[in-house]
């Protein structure tokens, strides 16, 4: 299932709200990783310049399994 931009925005806002309290401890990267990979997949599918750049870096949603491997687009 492909998530819509609104669903992705809600997921990211929920992440920000969950961890915005400074007393909250960040237990693991799993929530951030999930949100980042969801956004990467959406951008890859819907943003042609980013997709071309990611492909030139040999990155795709099938190959990228952690947020650290998402290609940073120079702007």
PDB file of N, CA and C in Angstrom:
ATOM      1  N   UNK A   1       0.837  -1.178   0.000  1.00  0.00           N
ATOM      2  CA  UNK A   1       0.000   0.000   0.000  1.00  0.00           C
ATOM      3  C   UNK A   1       0.884   1.244   0.000  1.00  0.00           C
ATOM      4  N   UNK A   2       0.574   2.158  -0.884  1.00  0.00           N
ATOM      5  CA  UNK A   2       1.296   3.416  -0.954  1.00  0.00           C
ATOM      6  C   UNK A   2       0.558   4.449  -0.116  1.00  0.00           C
ATOM      7  N   UNK A   3       1.308   5.093   0.750  1.00  0.00           N
ATOM      8  CA  UNK A   3       0.703   6.101   1.623  1.00  0.00           C
ATOM      9  C   UNK A   3       0.572   7.424   0.882  1.00  0.00           C
ATOM     10  N   UNK A   4      -0.466   8.170   1.241  1.00  0.00           N
ATOM     11  CA  UNK A   4      -0.670   9.487   0.645  1.00  0.00           C
ATOM     12  C   UNK A   4       0.211  10.504   1.364  1.00  0.00           C
ATOM     13  N   UNK A   5       0.325  11.673   0.752  1.00  0.00           N
ATOM     14  CA  UNK A   5       1.137  12.718   1.377  1.00  0.00           C
ATOM     15  C   UNK A   5       0.560  13.120   2.730  1.00  0.00           C
ATOM     16  N   UNK A   6      -0.755  13.140   2.856  1.00  0.00           N
ATOM     17  CA  UNK A   6      -1.384  13.492   4.134  1.00  0.00           C
ATOM     18  C   UNK A   6      -1.068  12.452   5.202  1.00  0.00           C
ATOM     19  N   UNK A   7      -1.100  11.194   4.847  1.00  0.00           N
ATOM     20  CA  UNK A   7      -0.772  10.134   5.806  1.00  0.00           C
ATOM     21  C   UNK A   7       0.686  10.237   6.252  1.00  0.00           C
ATOM     22  N   UNK A   8       1.565  10.552   5.312  1.00  0.00           N
ATOM     23  CA  UNK A   8       2.980  10.698   5.650  1.00  0.00           C
ATOM     24  C   UNK A   8       3.187  11.919   6.542  1.00  0.00           C
ATOM     25  N   UNK A   9       2.531  13.011   6.227  1.00  0.00           N
ATOM     26  CA  UNK A   9       2.628  14.209   7.072  1.00  0.00           C
ATOM     27  C   UNK A   9       2.153  13.902   8.486  1.00  0.00           C
ATOM     28  N   UNK A  10       1.054  13.199   8.609  1.00  0.00           N
ATOM     29  CA  UNK A  10       0.536  12.837   9.933  1.00  0.00           C
ATOM     30  C   UNK A  10       1.511  11.948  10.691  1.00  0.00           C
ATOM     31  N   UNK A  11       2.146  11.015   9.995  1.00  0.00           N
ATOM     32  CA  UNK A  11       3.121  10.129  10.632  1.00  0.00           C
ATOM     33  C   UNK A  11       4.321  10.931  11.145  1.00  0.00           C
ATOM     34  N   UNK A  12       4.796  11.869  10.336  1.00  0.00           N
ATOM     35  CA  UNK A  12       5.946  12.681  10.737  1.00  0.00           C
ATOM     36  C   UNK A  12       5.581  13.606  11.893  1.00  0.00           C
ATOM     37  N   UNK A  13       4.412  14.215  11.827  1.00  0.00           N
ATOM     38  CA  UNK A  13       3.971  15.074  12.935  1.00  0.00           C
ATOM     39  C   UNK A  13       3.797  14.277  14.220  1.00  0.00           C
ATOM     40  N   UNK A  14       3.292  13.056  14.123  1.00  0.00           N
ATOM     41  CA  UNK A  14       3.148  12.203  15.306  1.00  0.00           C
ATOM     42  C   UNK A  14       4.523  11.888  15.895  1.00  0.00           C
ATOM     43  N   UNK A  15       5.502  11.629  15.036  1.00  0.00           N
ATOM     44  CA  UNK A  15       6.863  11.373  15.503  1.00  0.00           C
ATOM     45  C   UNK A  15       7.416  12.598  16.234  1.00  0.00           C
ATOM     46  N   UNK A  16       7.249  13.772  15.628  1.00  0.00           N
ATOM     47  CA  UNK A  16       7.745  15.008  16.241  1.00  0.00           C
ATOM     48  C   UNK A  16       7.072  15.236  17.586  1.00  0.00           C
ATOM     49  N   UNK A  17       5.771  15.069  17.636  1.00  0.00           N
ATOM     50  CA  UNK A  17       5.049  15.262  18.903  1.00  0.00           C
ATOM     51  C   UNK A  17       5.469  14.252  19.962  1.00  0.00           C
ATOM     52  N   UNK A  18       5.701  13.025  19.557  1.00  0.00           N
ATOM     53  CA  UNK A  18       6.086  11.978  20.502  1.00  0.00           C
ATOM     54  C   UNK A  18       7.435  12.278  21.139  1.00  0.00           C
ATOM     55  N   UNK A  19       8.358  12.795  20.357  1.00  0.00           N
ATOM     56  CA  UNK A  19       9.716  12.995  20.860  1.00  0.00           C
ATOM     57  C   UNK A  19      10.074  14.461  21.119  1.00  0.00           C
ATOM     58  N   UNK A  20       9.097  15.369  21.025  1.00  0.00           N
ATOM     59  CA  UNK A  20       9.396  16.783  21.266  1.00  0.00           C
ATOM     60  C   UNK A  20       9.581  17.096  22.742  1.00  0.00           C
ATOM     61  N   UNK A  21       8.997  16.294  23.606  1.00  0.00           N
ATOM     62  CA  UNK A  21       9.153  16.475  25.046  1.00  0.00           C
ATOM     63  C   UNK A  21      10.576  16.078  25.421  1.00  0.00           C
ATOM     64  N   UNK A  22      11.315  17.008  25.991  1.00  0.00           N
ATOM     65  CA  UNK A  22      12.724  16.725  26.303  1.00  0.00           C
ATOM     66  C   UNK A  22      12.893  15.646  27.357  1.00  0.00           C
ATOM     67  N   UNK A  23      11.830  15.350  28.104  1.00  0.00           N
ATOM     68  CA  UNK A  23      11.945  14.283  29.103  1.00  0.00           C
ATOM     69  C   UNK A  23      11.754  12.906  28.479  1.00  0.00           C
ATOM     70  N   UNK A  24      11.278  12.869  27.224  1.00  0.00           N
ATOM     71  CA  UNK A  24      11.118  11.588  26.534  1.00  0.00           C
ATOM     72  C   UNK A  24      12.494  11.062  26.149  1.00  0.00           C
ATOM     73  N   UNK A  25      12.691   9.789  26.350  1.00  0.00           N
ATOM     74  CA  UNK A  25      13.955   9.186  25.935  1.00  0.00           C
ATOM     75  C   UNK A  25      13.751   8.484  24.611  1.00  0.00           C
ATOM     76  N   UNK A  26      14.684   8.696  23.753  1.00  0.00           N
ATOM     77  CA  UNK A  26      14.638   8.076  22.434  1.00  0.00           C
ATOM     78  C   UNK A  26      15.222   6.685  22.571  1.00  0.00           C
ATOM     79  N   UNK A  27      14.353   5.682  22.582  1.00  0.00           N
ATOM     80  CA  UNK A  27      14.778   4.310  22.846  1.00  0.00           C
ATOM     81  C   UNK A  27      15.509   3.678  21.662  1.00  0.00           C
ATOM     82  N   UNK A  28      15.080   3.980  20.466  1.00  0.00           N
ATOM     83  CA  UNK A  28      15.719   3.372  19.302  1.00  0.00           C
ATOM     84  C   UNK A  28      15.453   4.212  18.070  1.00  0.00           C
ATOM     85  N   UNK A  29      16.112   3.875  16.998  1.00  0.00           N
ATOM     86  CA  UNK A  29      15.915   4.573  15.735  1.00  0.00           C
ATOM     87  C   UNK A  29      14.721   4.032  14.959  1.00  0.00           C
ATOM     88  N   UNK A  30      14.041   3.019  15.467  1.00  0.00           N
ATOM     89  CA  UNK A  30      13.033   2.341  14.648  1.00  0.00           C
ATOM     90  C   UNK A  30      11.908   3.256  14.194  1.00  0.00           C
ATOM     91  N   UNK A  31      11.397   4.117  15.060  1.00  0.00           N
ATOM     92  CA  UNK A  31      10.325   5.025  14.651  1.00  0.00           C
ATOM     93  C   UNK A  31      10.822   6.021  13.608  1.00  0.00           C
ATOM     94  N   UNK A  32      11.995   6.589  13.847  1.00  0.00           N
ATOM     95  CA  UNK A  32      12.558   7.542  12.891  1.00  0.00           C
ATOM     96  C   UNK A  32      12.866   6.854  11.573  1.00  0.00           C
ATOM     97  N   UNK A  33      13.437   5.670  11.643  1.00  0.00           N
ATOM     98  CA  UNK A  33      13.775   4.916  10.445  1.00  0.00           C
ATOM     99  C   UNK A  33      12.523   4.654   9.608  1.00  0.00           C
ATOM    100  N   UNK A  34      11.456   4.232  10.265  1.00  0.00           N
ATOM    101  CA  UNK A  34      10.208   3.949   9.554  1.00  0.00           C
ATOM    102  C   UNK A  34       9.672   5.199   8.866  1.00  0.00           C
ATOM    103  N   UNK A  35       9.655   6.323   9.569  1.00  0.00           N
ATOM    104  CA  UNK A  35       9.153   7.564   8.986  1.00  0.00           C
ATOM    105  C   UNK A  35      10.041   8.023   7.825  1.00  0.00           C
ATOM    106  N   UNK A  36      11.352   7.948   7.993  1.00  0.00           N
ATOM    107  CA  UNK A  36      12.277   8.385   6.947  1.00  0.00           C
ATOM    108  C   UNK A  36      12.168   7.508   5.703  1.00  0.00           C
ATOM    109  N   UNK A  37      12.042   6.204   5.891  1.00  0.00           N
ATOM    110  CA  UNK A  37      11.927   5.310   4.744  1.00  0.00           C
ATOM    111  C   UNK A  37      10.593   5.496   4.025  1.00  0.00           C
ATOM    112  N   UNK A  38       9.547   5.776   4.773  1.00  0.00           N
ATOM    113  CA  UNK A  38       8.248   6.054   4.160  1.00  0.00           C
ATOM    114  C   UNK A  38       8.333   7.311   3.298  1.00  0.00           C
ATOM    115  N   UNK A  39       8.961   8.350   3.832  1.00  0.00           N
ATOM    116  CA  UNK A  39       9.118   9.593   3.087  1.00  0.00           C
ATOM    117  C   UNK A  39      10.020   9.386   1.867  1.00  0.00           C
ATOM    118  N   UNK A  40      11.092   8.626   2.026  1.00  0.00           N
ATOM    119  CA  UNK A  40      11.985   8.328   0.899  1.00  0.00           C
ATOM    120  C   UNK A  40      11.212   7.618  -0.205  1.00  0.00           C
ATOM    121  N   UNK A  41      10.433   6.621   0.157  1.00  0.00           N
ATOM    122  CA  UNK A  41       9.656   5.882  -0.835  1.00  0.00           C
ATOM    123  C   UNK A  41       8.688   6.819  -1.565  1.00  0.00           C
ATOM    124  N   UNK A  42       8.016   7.683  -0.820  1.00  0.00           N
ATOM    125  CA  UNK A  42       7.079   8.624  -1.430  1.00  0.00           C
ATOM    126  C   UNK A  42       7.812   9.565  -2.389  1.00  0.00           C
ATOM    127  N   UNK A  43       8.917  10.139  -1.944  1.00  0.00           N
ATOM    128  CA  UNK A  43       9.683  11.050  -2.795  1.00  0.00           C
ATOM    129  C   UNK A  43      10.211  10.332  -4.036  1.00  0.00           C
ATOM    130  N   UNK A  44      10.658   9.100  -3.858  1.00  0.00           N
ATOM    131  CA  UNK A  44      11.181   8.324  -4.987  1.00  0.00           C
ATOM    132  C   UNK A  44      10.089   8.101  -6.030  1.00  0.00           C
ATOM    133  N   UNK A  45       8.875   7.840  -5.586  1.00  0.00           N
ATOM    134  CA  UNK A  45       7.767   7.563  -6.498  1.00  0.00           C
ATOM    135  C   UNK A  45       7.203   8.826  -7.139  1.00  0.00           C
ATOM    136  N   UNK A  46       7.275   9.972  -6.458  1.00  0.00           N
ATOM    137  CA  UNK A  46       6.551  11.160  -6.898  1.00  0.00           C
ATOM    138  C   UNK A  46       7.406  12.359  -7.279  1.00  0.00           C
ATOM    139  N   UNK A  47       8.707  12.270  -7.105  1.00  0.00           N
ATOM    140  CA  UNK A  47       9.596  13.401  -7.375  1.00  0.00           C
ATOM    141  C   UNK A  47      10.647  12.930  -8.384  1.00  0.00           C
ATOM    142  N   UNK A  48      10.378  13.180  -9.669  1.00  0.00           N
ATOM    143  CA  UNK A  48      11.244  12.662 -10.725  1.00  0.00           C
ATOM    144  C   UNK A  48      12.704  13.105 -10.602  1.00  0.00           C
ATOM    145  N   UNK A  49      13.003  14.391 -10.331  1.00  0.00           N
ATOM    146  CA  UNK A  49      14.417  14.763 -10.188  1.00  0.00           C
ATOM    147  C   UNK A  49      15.106  13.992  -9.048  1.00  0.00           C
ATOM    148  N   UNK A  50      14.390  13.807  -7.930  1.00  0.00           N
ATOM    149  CA  UNK A  50      14.985  13.049  -6.826  1.00  0.00           C
ATOM    150  C   UNK A  50      15.174  11.586  -7.211  1.00  0.00           C
ATOM    151  N   UNK A  51      14.182  11.009  -7.895  1.00  0.00           N
ATOM    152  CA  UNK A  51      14.310   9.607  -8.317  1.00  0.00           C
ATOM    153  C   UNK A  51      15.529   9.423  -9.213  1.00  0.00           C
ATOM    154  N   UNK A  52      15.702  10.336 -10.182  1.00  0.00           N
ATOM    155  CA  UNK A  52      16.860  10.228 -11.084  1.00  0.00           C
ATOM    156  C   UNK A  52      18.169  10.335 -10.303  1.00  0.00           C
ATOM    157  N   UNK A  53      18.202  11.254  -9.346  1.00  0.00           N
ATOM    158  CA  UNK A  53      19.414  11.396  -8.533  1.00  0.00           C
ATOM    159  C   UNK A  53      19.659  10.131  -7.704  1.00  0.00           C
ATOM    160  N   UNK A  54      18.613   9.627  -7.053  1.00  0.00           N
ATOM    161  CA  UNK A  54      18.757   8.412  -6.236  1.00  0.00           C
ATOM    162  C   UNK A  54      19.227   7.244  -7.096  1.00  0.00           C
ATOM    163  N   UNK A  55      18.678   7.112  -8.274  1.00  0.00           N
ATOM    164  CA  UNK A  55      19.097   6.037  -9.165  1.00  0.00           C
ATOM    165  C   UNK A  55      20.550   6.200  -9.590  1.00  0.00           C
ATOM    166  N   UNK A  56      20.989   7.441  -9.783  1.00  0.00           N
ATOM    167  CA  UNK A  56      22.392   7.666 -10.140  1.00  0.00           C
ATOM    168  C   UNK A  56      23.323   7.271  -8.993  1.00  0.00           C
ATOM    169  N   UNK A  57      22.792   7.316  -7.771  1.00  0.00           N
ATOM    170  CA  UNK A  57      23.549   6.897  -6.585  1.00  0.00           C
ATOM    171  C   UNK A  57      23.331   5.415  -6.271  1.00  0.00           C
ATOM    172  N   UNK A  58      22.609   4.735  -7.149  1.00  0.00           N
ATOM    173  CA  UNK A  58      22.273   3.315  -7.007  1.00  0.00           C
ATOM    174  C   UNK A  58      21.477   3.042  -5.726  1.00  0.00           C
ATOM    175  N   UNK A  59      20.477   3.906  -5.489  1.00  0.00           N
ATOM    176  CA  UNK A  59      19.602   3.783  -4.320  1.00  0.00           C
ATOM    177  C   UNK A  59      18.154   3.712  -4.792  1.00  0.00           C
ATOM    178  N   UNK A  60      17.401   2.846  -4.158  1.00  0.00           N
ATOM    179  CA  UNK A  60      15.967   2.739  -4.425  1.00  0.00           C
ATOM    180  C   UNK A  60      15.305   2.214  -3.158  1.00  0.00           C
ATOM    181  N   UNK A  61      13.976   2.317  -3.069  1.00  0.00           N
ATOM    182  CA  UNK A  61      13.294   1.784  -1.888  1.00  0.00           C
ATOM    183  C   UNK A  61      13.538   0.286  -1.663  1.00  0.00           C
ATOM    184  N   UNK A  62      13.850  -0.447  -2.720  1.00  0.00           N
ATOM    185  CA  UNK A  62      14.143  -1.873  -2.561  1.00  0.00           C
ATOM    186  C   UNK A  62      15.515  -2.112  -1.930  1.00  0.00           C
ATOM    187  N   UNK A  63      16.429  -1.172  -2.124  1.00  0.00           N
ATOM    188  CA  UNK A  63      17.804  -1.347  -1.634  1.00  0.00           C
ATOM    189  C   UNK A  63      18.073  -0.647  -0.310  1.00  0.00           C
ATOM    190  N   UNK A  64      17.377   0.437  -0.050  1.00  0.00           N
ATOM    191  CA  UNK A  64      17.624   1.230   1.158  1.00  0.00           C
ATOM    192  C   UNK A  64      16.807   0.657   2.312  1.00  0.00           C
ATOM    193  N   UNK A  65      17.489   0.226   3.360  1.00  0.00           N
ATOM    194  CA  UNK A  65      16.817  -0.410   4.499  1.00  0.00           C
ATOM    195  C   UNK A  65      16.943   0.394   5.786  1.00  0.00           C
ATOM    196  N   UNK A  66      17.788   1.418   5.792  1.00  0.00           N
ATOM    197  CA  UNK A  66      17.925   2.263   6.977  1.00  0.00           C
ATOM    198  C   UNK A  66      18.093   3.705   6.530  1.00  0.00           C
ATOM    199  N   UNK A  67      17.659   4.611   7.398  1.00  0.00           N
ATOM    200  CA  UNK A  67      17.622   6.025   7.026  1.00  0.00           C
ATOM    201  C   UNK A  67      18.983   6.570   6.635  1.00  0.00           C
ATOM    202  N   UNK A  68      20.039   6.030   7.200  1.00  0.00           N
ATOM    203  CA  UNK A  68      21.383   6.537   6.900  1.00  0.00           C
ATOM    204  C   UNK A  68      21.786   6.311   5.450  1.00  0.00           C
ATOM    205  N   UNK A  69      21.095   5.392   4.761  1.00  0.00           N
ATOM    206  CA  UNK A  69      21.438   5.072   3.377  1.00  0.00           C
ATOM    207  C   UNK A  69      20.636   5.878   2.358  1.00  0.00           C
ATOM    208  N   UNK A  70      19.712   6.709   2.824  1.00  0.00           N
ATOM    209  CA  UNK A  70      18.943   7.539   1.902  1.00  0.00           C
ATOM    210  C   UNK A  70      19.892   8.584   1.318  1.00  0.00           C
ATOM    211  N   UNK A  71      19.913   8.692  -0.014  1.00  0.00           N
ATOM    212  CA  UNK A  71      20.840   9.673  -0.611  1.00  0.00           C
ATOM    213  C   UNK A  71      20.408  11.102  -0.299  1.00  0.00           C
ATOM    214  N   UNK A  72      21.372  11.904   0.068  1.00  0.00           N
ATOM    215  CA  UNK A  72      21.119  13.320   0.328  1.00  0.00           C
ATOM    216  C   UNK A  72      21.257  14.055  -0.998  1.00  0.00           C
ATOM    217  N   UNK A  73      20.223  14.763  -1.359  1.00  0.00           N
ATOM    218  CA  UNK A  73      20.242  15.468  -2.637  1.00  0.00           C
ATOM    219  C   UNK A  73      20.889  16.835  -2.447  1.00  0.00           C
ATOM    220  N   UNK A  74      21.977  17.079  -3.160  1.00  0.00           N
ATOM    221  CA  UNK A  74      22.622  18.381  -3.047  1.00  0.00           C
ATOM    222  C   UNK A  74      21.767  19.454  -3.701  1.00  0.00           C
ATOM    223  N   UNK A  75      21.518  20.522  -2.973  1.00  0.00           N
ATOM    224  CA  UNK A  75      20.724  21.609  -3.555  1.00  0.00           C
ATOM    225  C   UNK A  75      21.424  22.929  -3.328  1.00  0.00           C
TER     226      UNK A  75
END
